[in-house]
Amino acid sequence: MEKSSYKTTLKKSAFKELESVPRAYIKNIIRTIEELSEEPRPRGCEKLIGKELYRVRIGKYRVIYSIDDENQIIGIIKIGHRKDIYR
């Protein structure tokens, strides 16, 4: 069975949050987001309790996203530091 890739969308607010991330992390975050299109539930991702959202860690930063398997779309909801992301 051939894996088909998902389309990744970024909310405007998530894009703004990405711009405020220190440069040292941006490349890793972008690479991780690109990898989500091939594997939406990578090793280490966690489903958030009580929500249909997932999170993946990149150092001290987190990417919160939704997965629409039917339409094969990954929606990046939030990007931020671990101390702020769940507020």
PDB file of N, CA and C in Angstrom:
ATOM      1  N   MET A   1       0.841  -1.190   0.000  1.00  0.00           N
ATOM      2  CA  MET A   1       0.000   0.000   0.000  1.00  0.00           C
ATOM      3  C   MET A   1       0.878   1.243   0.000  1.00  0.00           C
ATOM      4  N   GLU A   2       0.653   2.096  -0.939  1.00  0.00           N
ATOM      5  CA  GLU A   2       1.446   3.322  -1.054  1.00  0.00           C
ATOM      6  C   GLU A   2       0.875   4.394  -0.139  1.00  0.00           C
ATOM      7  N   LYS A   3       1.767   5.051   0.594  1.00  0.00           N
ATOM      8  CA  LYS A   3       1.332   6.143   1.464  1.00  0.00           C
ATOM      9  C   LYS A   3       1.107   7.386   0.631  1.00  0.00           C
ATOM     10  N   SER A   4      -0.036   8.001   0.832  1.00  0.00           N
ATOM     11  CA  SER A   4      -0.258   9.271   0.147  1.00  0.00           C
ATOM     12  C   SER A   4       0.021  10.386   1.136  1.00  0.00           C
ATOM     13  N   SER A   5       0.477  11.497   0.635  1.00  0.00           N
ATOM     14  CA  SER A   5       0.841  12.564   1.554  1.00  0.00           C
ATOM     15  C   SER A   5      -0.347  13.474   1.827  1.00  0.00           C
ATOM     16  N   TYR A   6      -0.321  14.041   3.008  1.00  0.00           N
ATOM     17  CA  TYR A   6      -1.362  14.943   3.460  1.00  0.00           C
ATOM     18  C   TYR A   6      -0.989  16.370   3.072  1.00  0.00           C
ATOM     19  N   LYS A   7      -1.996  17.201   2.913  1.00  0.00           N
ATOM     20  CA  LYS A   7      -1.775  18.628   2.662  1.00  0.00           C
ATOM     21  C   LYS A   7      -1.684  19.307   4.025  1.00  0.00           C
ATOM     22  N   THR A   8      -0.731  20.193   4.185  1.00  0.00           N
ATOM     23  CA  THR A   8      -0.554  20.882   5.453  1.00  0.00           C
ATOM     24  C   THR A   8      -1.009  22.328   5.325  1.00  0.00           C
ATOM     25  N   THR A   9      -1.859  22.746   6.272  1.00  0.00           N
ATOM     26  CA  THR A   9      -2.307  24.138   6.300  1.00  0.00           C
ATOM     27  C   THR A   9      -1.859  24.751   7.624  1.00  0.00           C
ATOM     28  N   LEU A  10      -1.563  26.033   7.577  1.00  0.00           N
ATOM     29  CA  LEU A  10      -1.078  26.754   8.752  1.00  0.00           C
ATOM     30  C   LEU A  10      -2.037  27.905   9.035  1.00  0.00           C
ATOM     31  N   LYS A  11      -2.611  27.921  10.239  1.00  0.00           N
ATOM     32  CA  LYS A  11      -3.469  29.052  10.603  1.00  0.00           C
ATOM     33  C   LYS A  11      -2.633  30.316  10.616  1.00  0.00           C
ATOM     34  N   LYS A  12      -3.254  31.472  10.329  1.00  0.00           N
ATOM     35  CA  LYS A  12      -2.526  32.748  10.350  1.00  0.00           C
ATOM     36  C   LYS A  12      -1.869  32.974  11.705  1.00  0.00           C
ATOM     37  N   SER A  13      -2.594  32.651  12.779  1.00  0.00           N
ATOM     38  CA  SER A  13      -2.051  32.852  14.123  1.00  0.00           C
ATOM     39  C   SER A  13      -0.832  31.950  14.360  1.00  0.00           C
ATOM     40  N   ALA A  14      -0.865  30.729  13.826  1.00  0.00           N
ATOM     41  CA  ALA A  14       0.271  29.815  13.979  1.00  0.00           C
ATOM     42  C   ALA A  14       1.478  30.350  13.206  1.00  0.00           C
ATOM     43  N   PHE A  15       1.224  30.945  12.038  1.00  0.00           N
ATOM     44  CA  PHE A  15       2.319  31.521  11.258  1.00  0.00           C
ATOM     45  C   PHE A  15       2.974  32.657  12.036  1.00  0.00           C
ATOM     46  N   LYS A  16       2.159  33.500  12.683  1.00  0.00           N
ATOM     47  CA  LYS A  16       2.695  34.595  13.494  1.00  0.00           C
ATOM     48  C   LYS A  16       3.487  34.055  14.672  1.00  0.00           C
ATOM     49  N   GLU A  17       2.982  32.975  15.294  1.00  0.00           N
ATOM     50  CA  GLU A  17       3.695  32.362  16.419  1.00  0.00           C
ATOM     51  C   GLU A  17       5.039  31.815  15.956  1.00  0.00           C
ATOM     52  N   LEU A  18       5.071  31.244  14.762  1.00  0.00           N
ATOM     53  CA  LEU A  18       6.318  30.715  14.208  1.00  0.00           C
ATOM     54  C   LEU A  18       7.341  31.831  14.024  1.00  0.00           C
ATOM     55  N   GLU A  19       6.879  32.996  13.590  1.00  0.00           N
ATOM     56  CA  GLU A  19       7.788  34.131  13.394  1.00  0.00           C
ATOM     57  C   GLU A  19       8.427  34.587  14.704  1.00  0.00           C
ATOM     58  N   SER A  20       7.764  34.337  15.832  1.00  0.00           N
ATOM     59  CA  SER A  20       8.305  34.790  17.119  1.00  0.00           C
ATOM     60  C   SER A  20       9.217  33.746  17.786  1.00  0.00           C
ATOM     61  N   VAL A  21       9.347  32.574  17.171  1.00  0.00           N
ATOM     62  CA  VAL A  21      10.212  31.517  17.705  1.00  0.00           C
ATOM     63  C   VAL A  21      11.674  31.876  17.410  1.00  0.00           C
ATOM     64  N   PRO A  22      12.590  31.621  18.364  1.00  0.00           N
ATOM     65  CA  PRO A  22      14.014  31.890  18.093  1.00  0.00           C
ATOM     66  C   PRO A  22      14.510  31.141  16.855  1.00  0.00           C
ATOM     67  N   ARG A  23      15.388  31.790  16.121  1.00  0.00           N
ATOM     68  CA  ARG A  23      15.897  31.229  14.859  1.00  0.00           C
ATOM     69  C   ARG A  23      16.441  29.815  14.991  1.00  0.00           C
ATOM     70  N   ALA A  24      17.058  29.511  16.127  1.00  0.00           N
ATOM     71  CA  ALA A  24      17.670  28.193  16.322  1.00  0.00           C
ATOM     72  C   ALA A  24      16.652  27.059  16.191  1.00  0.00           C
ATOM     73  N   TYR A  25      15.391  27.342  16.473  1.00  0.00           N
ATOM     74  CA  TYR A  25      14.358  26.298  16.435  1.00  0.00           C
ATOM     75  C   TYR A  25      13.550  26.274  15.145  1.00  0.00           C
ATOM     76  N   ILE A  26      13.530  27.385  14.419  1.00  0.00           N
ATOM     77  CA  ILE A  26      12.649  27.504  13.249  1.00  0.00           C
ATOM     78  C   ILE A  26      12.886  26.402  12.215  1.00  0.00           C
ATOM     79  N   LYS A  27      14.134  26.130  11.880  1.00  0.00           N
ATOM     80  CA  LYS A  27      14.436  25.124  10.859  1.00  0.00           C
ATOM     81  C   LYS A  27      13.900  23.750  11.274  1.00  0.00           C
ATOM     82  N   ASN A  28      14.088  23.384  12.552  1.00  0.00           N
ATOM     83  CA  ASN A  28      13.599  22.090  13.035  1.00  0.00           C
ATOM     84  C   ASN A  28      12.076  22.034  13.038  1.00  0.00           C
ATOM     85  N   ILE A  29      11.438  23.136  13.405  1.00  0.00           N
ATOM     86  CA  ILE A  29       9.971  23.169  13.430  1.00  0.00           C
ATOM     87  C   ILE A  29       9.421  23.016  12.013  1.00  0.00           C
ATOM     88  N   ILE A  30       9.994  23.736  11.056  1.00  0.00           N
ATOM     89  CA  ILE A  30       9.536  23.646   9.667  1.00  0.00           C
ATOM     90  C   ILE A  30       9.751  22.236   9.121  1.00  0.00           C
ATOM     91  N   ARG A  31      10.900  21.639   9.431  1.00  0.00           N
ATOM     92  CA  ARG A  31      11.176  20.272   8.972  1.00  0.00           C
ATOM     93  C   ARG A  31      10.160  19.293   9.569  1.00  0.00           C
ATOM     94  N   THR A  32       9.864  19.451  10.844  1.00  0.00           N
ATOM     95  CA  THR A  32       8.893  18.580  11.509  1.00  0.00           C
ATOM     96  C   THR A  32       7.515  18.723  10.876  1.00  0.00           C
ATOM     97  N   ILE A  33       7.098  19.958  10.591  1.00  0.00           N
ATOM     98  CA  ILE A  33       5.799  20.189   9.953  1.00  0.00           C
ATOM     99  C   ILE A  33       5.764  19.524   8.580  1.00  0.00           C
ATOM    100  N   GLU A  34       6.849  19.631   7.824  1.00  0.00           N
ATOM    101  CA  GLU A  34       6.908  18.992   6.501  1.00  0.00           C
ATOM    102  C   GLU A  34       6.820  17.474   6.630  1.00  0.00           C
ATOM    103  N   GLU A  35       7.466  16.917   7.660  1.00  0.00           N
ATOM    104  CA  GLU A  35       7.429  15.469   7.870  1.00  0.00           C
ATOM    105  C   GLU A  35       6.034  14.985   8.256  1.00  0.00           C
ATOM    106  N   LEU A  36       5.239  15.851   8.887  1.00  0.00           N
ATOM    107  CA  LEU A  36       3.871  15.474   9.260  1.00  0.00           C
ATOM    108  C   LEU A  36       3.024  15.152   8.029  1.00  0.00           C
ATOM    109  N   SER A  37       3.335  15.772   6.891  1.00  0.00           N
ATOM    110  CA  SER A  37       2.553  15.497   5.685  1.00  0.00           C
ATOM    111  C   SER A  37       2.756  14.057   5.202  1.00  0.00           C
ATOM    112  N   GLU A  38       3.898  13.463   5.535  1.00  0.00           N
ATOM    113  CA  GLU A  38       4.150  12.067   5.171  1.00  0.00           C
ATOM    114  C   GLU A  38       3.687  11.105   6.262  1.00  0.00           C
ATOM    115  N   GLU A  39       3.860  11.499   7.519  1.00  0.00           N
ATOM    116  CA  GLU A  39       3.486  10.661   8.658  1.00  0.00           C
ATOM    117  C   GLU A  39       2.778  11.535   9.694  1.00  0.00           C
ATOM    118  N   PRO A  40       1.436  11.626   9.619  1.00  0.00           N
ATOM    119  CA  PRO A  40       0.699  12.536  10.501  1.00  0.00           C
ATOM    120  C   PRO A  40       0.744  12.159  11.980  1.00  0.00           C
ATOM    121  N   ARG A  41       1.048  10.907  12.272  1.00  0.00           N
ATOM    122  CA  ARG A  41       1.155  10.476  13.668  1.00  0.00           C
ATOM    123  C   ARG A  41       2.533   9.870  13.907  1.00  0.00           C
ATOM    124  N   PRO A  42       3.560  10.722  13.905  1.00  0.00           N
ATOM    125  CA  PRO A  42       4.922  10.195  14.053  1.00  0.00           C
ATOM    126  C   PRO A  42       5.156   9.670  15.465  1.00  0.00           C
ATOM    127  N   ARG A  43       6.217   8.938  15.618  1.00  0.00           N
ATOM    128  CA  ARG A  43       6.594   8.444  16.930  1.00  0.00           C
ATOM    129  C   ARG A  43       6.821   9.638  17.856  1.00  0.00           C
ATOM    130  N   GLY A  44       6.249   9.589  19.037  1.00  0.00           N
ATOM    131  CA  GLY A  44       6.422  10.684  19.982  1.00  0.00           C
ATOM    132  C   GLY A  44       5.299  11.705  19.963  1.00  0.00           C
ATOM    133  N   CYS A  45       4.401  11.621  18.983  1.00  0.00           N
ATOM    134  CA  CYS A  45       3.277  12.559  18.983  1.00  0.00           C
ATOM    135  C   CYS A  45       2.261  12.070  20.003  1.00  0.00           C
ATOM    136  N   GLU A  46       1.490  12.993  20.553  1.00  0.00           N
ATOM    137  CA  GLU A  46       0.478  12.613  21.533  1.00  0.00           C
ATOM    138  C   GLU A  46      -0.844  13.266  21.194  1.00  0.00           C
ATOM    139  N   LYS A  47      -1.922  12.506  21.397  1.00  0.00           N
ATOM    140  CA  LYS A  47      -3.263  13.056  21.239  1.00  0.00           C
ATOM    141  C   LYS A  47      -3.575  13.830  22.514  1.00  0.00           C
ATOM    142  N   LEU A  48      -4.107  15.033  22.359  1.00  0.00           N
ATOM    143  CA  LEU A  48      -4.434  15.838  23.528  1.00  0.00           C
ATOM    144  C   LEU A  48      -5.738  15.342  24.140  1.00  0.00           C
ATOM    145  N   ILE A  49      -5.788  15.299  25.445  1.00  0.00           N
ATOM    146  CA  ILE A  49      -6.951  14.795  26.168  1.00  0.00           C
ATOM    147  C   ILE A  49      -8.148  15.731  25.959  1.00  0.00           C
ATOM    148  N   GLY A  50      -9.271  15.143  25.604  1.00  0.00           N
ATOM    149  CA  GLY A  50     -10.508  15.901  25.467  1.00  0.00           C
ATOM    150  C   GLY A  50     -10.642  16.698  24.181  1.00  0.00           C
ATOM    151  N   LYS A  51      -9.675  16.581  23.282  1.00  0.00           N
ATOM    152  CA  LYS A  51      -9.721  17.332  22.025  1.00  0.00           C
ATOM    153  C   LYS A  51      -9.286  16.422  20.889  1.00  0.00           C
ATOM    154  N   GLU A  52      -9.705  16.750  19.697  1.00  0.00           N
ATOM    155  CA  GLU A  52      -9.252  15.997  18.526  1.00  0.00           C
ATOM    156  C   GLU A  52      -8.004  16.662  17.959  1.00  0.00           C
ATOM    157  N   LEU A  53      -7.042  16.907  18.822  1.00  0.00           N
ATOM    158  CA  LEU A  53      -5.792  17.556  18.431  1.00  0.00           C
ATOM    159  C   LEU A  53      -4.616  16.695  18.864  1.00  0.00           C
ATOM    160  N   TYR A  54      -3.506  16.901  18.187  1.00  0.00           N
ATOM    161  CA  TYR A  54      -2.274  16.188  18.489  1.00  0.00           C
ATOM    162  C   TYR A  54      -1.181  17.208  18.745  1.00  0.00           C
ATOM    163  N   ARG A  55      -0.117  16.756  19.417  1.00  0.00           N
ATOM    164  CA  ARG A  55       1.022  17.636  19.611  1.00  0.00           C
ATOM    165  C   ARG A  55       2.297  16.855  19.356  1.00  0.00           C
ATOM    166  N   VAL A  56       3.269  17.580  18.853  1.00  0.00           N
ATOM    167  CA  VAL A  56       4.586  17.008  18.626  1.00  0.00           C
ATOM    168  C   VAL A  56       5.602  17.961  19.251  1.00  0.00           C
ATOM    169  N   ARG A  57       6.661  17.404  19.838  1.00  0.00           N
ATOM    170  CA  ARG A  57       7.690  18.198  20.510  1.00  0.00           C
ATOM    171  C   ARG A  57       8.851  18.495  19.579  1.00  0.00           C
ATOM    172  N   ILE A  58       9.356  19.705  19.685  1.00  0.00           N
ATOM    173  CA  ILE A  58      10.604  20.088  19.019  1.00  0.00           C
ATOM    174  C   ILE A  58      11.385  20.865  20.059  1.00  0.00           C
ATOM    175  N   GLY A  59      12.236  20.183  20.812  1.00  0.00           N
ATOM    176  CA  GLY A  59      12.967  20.830  21.900  1.00  0.00           C
ATOM    177  C   GLY A  59      12.000  21.386  22.928  1.00  0.00           C
ATOM    178  N   LYS A  60      12.127  22.675  23.225  1.00  0.00           N
ATOM    179  CA  LYS A  60      11.243  23.330  24.193  1.00  0.00           C
ATOM    180  C   LYS A  60       9.942  23.793  23.555  1.00  0.00           C
ATOM    181  N   TYR A  61       9.793  23.572  22.264  1.00  0.00           N
ATOM    182  CA  TYR A  61       8.622  24.059  21.536  1.00  0.00           C
ATOM    183  C   TYR A  61       7.670  22.922  21.189  1.00  0.00           C
ATOM    184  N   ARG A  62       6.403  23.284  20.992  1.00  0.00           N
ATOM    185  CA  ARG A  62       5.369  22.318  20.653  1.00  0.00           C
ATOM    186  C   ARG A  62       4.601  22.806  19.435  1.00  0.00           C
ATOM    187  N   VAL A  63       4.175  21.861  18.627  1.00  0.00           N
ATOM    188  CA  VAL A  63       3.297  22.152  17.497  1.00  0.00           C
ATOM    189  C   VAL A  63       2.000  21.398  17.769  1.00  0.00           C
ATOM    190  N   ILE A  64       0.898  22.129  17.843  1.00  0.00           N
ATOM    191  CA  ILE A  64      -0.428  21.546  18.053  1.00  0.00           C
ATOM    192  C   ILE A  64      -1.120  21.510  16.693  1.00  0.00           C
ATOM    193  N   TYR A  65      -1.671  20.352  16.333  1.00  0.00           N
ATOM    194  CA  TYR A  65      -2.272  20.232  15.008  1.00  0.00           C
ATOM    195  C   TYR A  65      -3.463  19.283  15.013  1.00  0.00           C
ATOM    196  N   SER A  66      -4.280  19.409  13.977  1.00  0.00           N
ATOM    197  CA  SER A  66      -5.426  18.514  13.784  1.00  0.00           C
ATOM    198  C   SER A  66      -5.152  17.657  12.551  1.00  0.00           C
ATOM    199  N   ILE A  67      -5.791  16.490  12.529  1.00  0.00           N
ATOM    200  CA  ILE A  67      -5.644  15.586  11.384  1.00  0.00           C
ATOM    201  C   ILE A  67      -7.029  15.286  10.830  1.00  0.00           C
ATOM    202  N   ASP A  68      -7.210  15.557   9.548  1.00  0.00           N
ATOM    203  CA  ASP A  68      -8.455  15.202   8.846  1.00  0.00           C
ATOM    204  C   ASP A  68      -8.087  14.075   7.876  1.00  0.00           C
ATOM    205  N   ASP A  69      -8.272  12.825   8.346  1.00  0.00           N
ATOM    206  CA  ASP A  69      -7.876  11.673   7.532  1.00  0.00           C
ATOM    207  C   ASP A  69      -8.708  11.545   6.256  1.00  0.00           C
ATOM    208  N   GLU A  70      -9.978  11.899   6.338  1.00  0.00           N
ATOM    209  CA  GLU A  70     -10.866  11.757   5.183  1.00  0.00           C
ATOM    210  C   GLU A  70     -10.410  12.618   4.013  1.00  0.00           C
ATOM    211  N   ASN A  71     -10.080  13.885   4.308  1.00  0.00           N
ATOM    212  CA  ASN A  71      -9.638  14.808   3.264  1.00  0.00           C
ATOM    213  C   ASN A  71      -8.120  14.920   3.173  1.00  0.00           C
ATOM    214  N   GLN A  72      -7.421  14.190   4.022  1.00  0.00           N
ATOM    215  CA  GLN A  72      -5.964  14.180   4.082  1.00  0.00           C
ATOM    216  C   GLN A  72      -5.378  15.584   4.245  1.00  0.00           C
ATOM    217  N   ILE A  73      -5.836  16.243   5.306  1.00  0.00           N
ATOM    218  CA  ILE A  73      -5.353  17.592   5.616  1.00  0.00           C
ATOM    219  C   ILE A  73      -4.861  17.636   7.051  1.00  0.00           C
ATOM    220  N   ILE A  74      -3.709  18.241   7.242  1.00  0.00           N
ATOM    221  CA  ILE A  74      -3.176  18.497   8.573  1.00  0.00           C
ATOM    222  C   ILE A  74      -3.251  20.001   8.785  1.00  0.00           C
ATOM    223  N   GLY A  75      -3.906  20.400   9.860  1.00  0.00           N
ATOM    224  CA  GLY A  75      -4.053  21.822  10.171  1.00  0.00           C
ATOM    225  C   GLY A  75      -3.188  22.187  11.360  1.00  0.00           C
ATOM    226  N   ILE A  76      -2.193  23.025  11.142  1.00  0.00           N
ATOM    227  CA  ILE A  76      -1.327  23.478  12.235  1.00  0.00           C
ATOM    228  C   ILE A  76      -2.097  24.575  12.972  1.00  0.00           C
ATOM    229  N   ILE A  77      -2.391  24.333  14.251  1.00  0.00           N
ATOM    230  CA  ILE A  77      -3.224  25.230  15.042  1.00  0.00           C
ATOM    231  C   ILE A  77      -2.373  26.220  15.834  1.00  0.00           C
ATOM    232  N   LYS A  78      -1.368  25.708  16.541  1.00  0.00           N
ATOM    233  CA  LYS A  78      -0.536  26.556  17.407  1.00  0.00           C
ATOM    234  C   LYS A  78       0.906  26.094  17.374  1.00  0.00           C
ATOM    235  N   ILE A  79       1.812  27.049  17.521  1.00  0.00           N
ATOM    236  CA  ILE A  79       3.242  26.776  17.651  1.00  0.00           C
ATOM    237  C   ILE A  79       3.725  27.649  18.792  1.00  0.00           C
ATOM    238  N   GLY A  80       4.376  27.042  19.770  1.00  0.00           N
ATOM    239  CA  GLY A  80       4.850  27.875  20.866  1.00  0.00           C
ATOM    240  C   GLY A  80       5.693  27.141  21.877  1.00  0.00           C
ATOM    241  N   HIS A  81       6.210  27.902  22.825  1.00  0.00           N
ATOM    242  CA  HIS A  81       7.025  27.363  23.901  1.00  0.00           C
ATOM    243  C   HIS A  81       6.163  26.505  24.805  1.00  0.00           C
ATOM    244  N   ARG A  82       6.754  25.474  25.371  1.00  0.00           N
ATOM    245  CA  ARG A  82       5.983  24.520  26.165  1.00  0.00           C
ATOM    246  C   ARG A  82       5.276  25.155  27.357  1.00  0.00           C
ATOM    247  N   LYS A  83       5.837  26.247  27.903  1.00  0.00           N
ATOM    248  CA  LYS A  83       5.198  26.860  29.072  1.00  0.00           C
ATOM    249  C   LYS A  83       3.958  27.678  28.698  1.00  0.00           C
ATOM    250  N   ASP A  84       3.835  28.049  27.430  1.00  0.00           N
ATOM    251  CA  ASP A  84       2.710  28.901  26.992  1.00  0.00           C
ATOM    252  C   ASP A  84       1.686  28.179  26.133  1.00  0.00           C
ATOM    253  N   ILE A  85       2.056  27.081  25.530  1.00  0.00           N
ATOM    254  CA  ILE A  85       1.266  26.488  24.441  1.00  0.00           C
ATOM    255  C   ILE A  85      -0.114  25.995  24.869  1.00  0.00           C
ATOM    256  N   TYR A  86      -0.269  25.516  26.091  1.00  0.00           N
ATOM    257  CA  TYR A  86      -1.539  24.907  26.489  1.00  0.00           C
ATOM    258  C   TYR A  86      -2.509  25.909  27.135  1.00  0.00           C
ATOM    259  N   ARG A  87      -2.140  27.168  27.189  1.00  0.00           N
ATOM    260  CA  ARG A  87      -3.002  28.178  27.820  1.00  0.00           C
ATOM    261  C   ARG A  87      -4.087  28.648  26.881  1.00  0.00           C
TER     262      ARG A  87
END
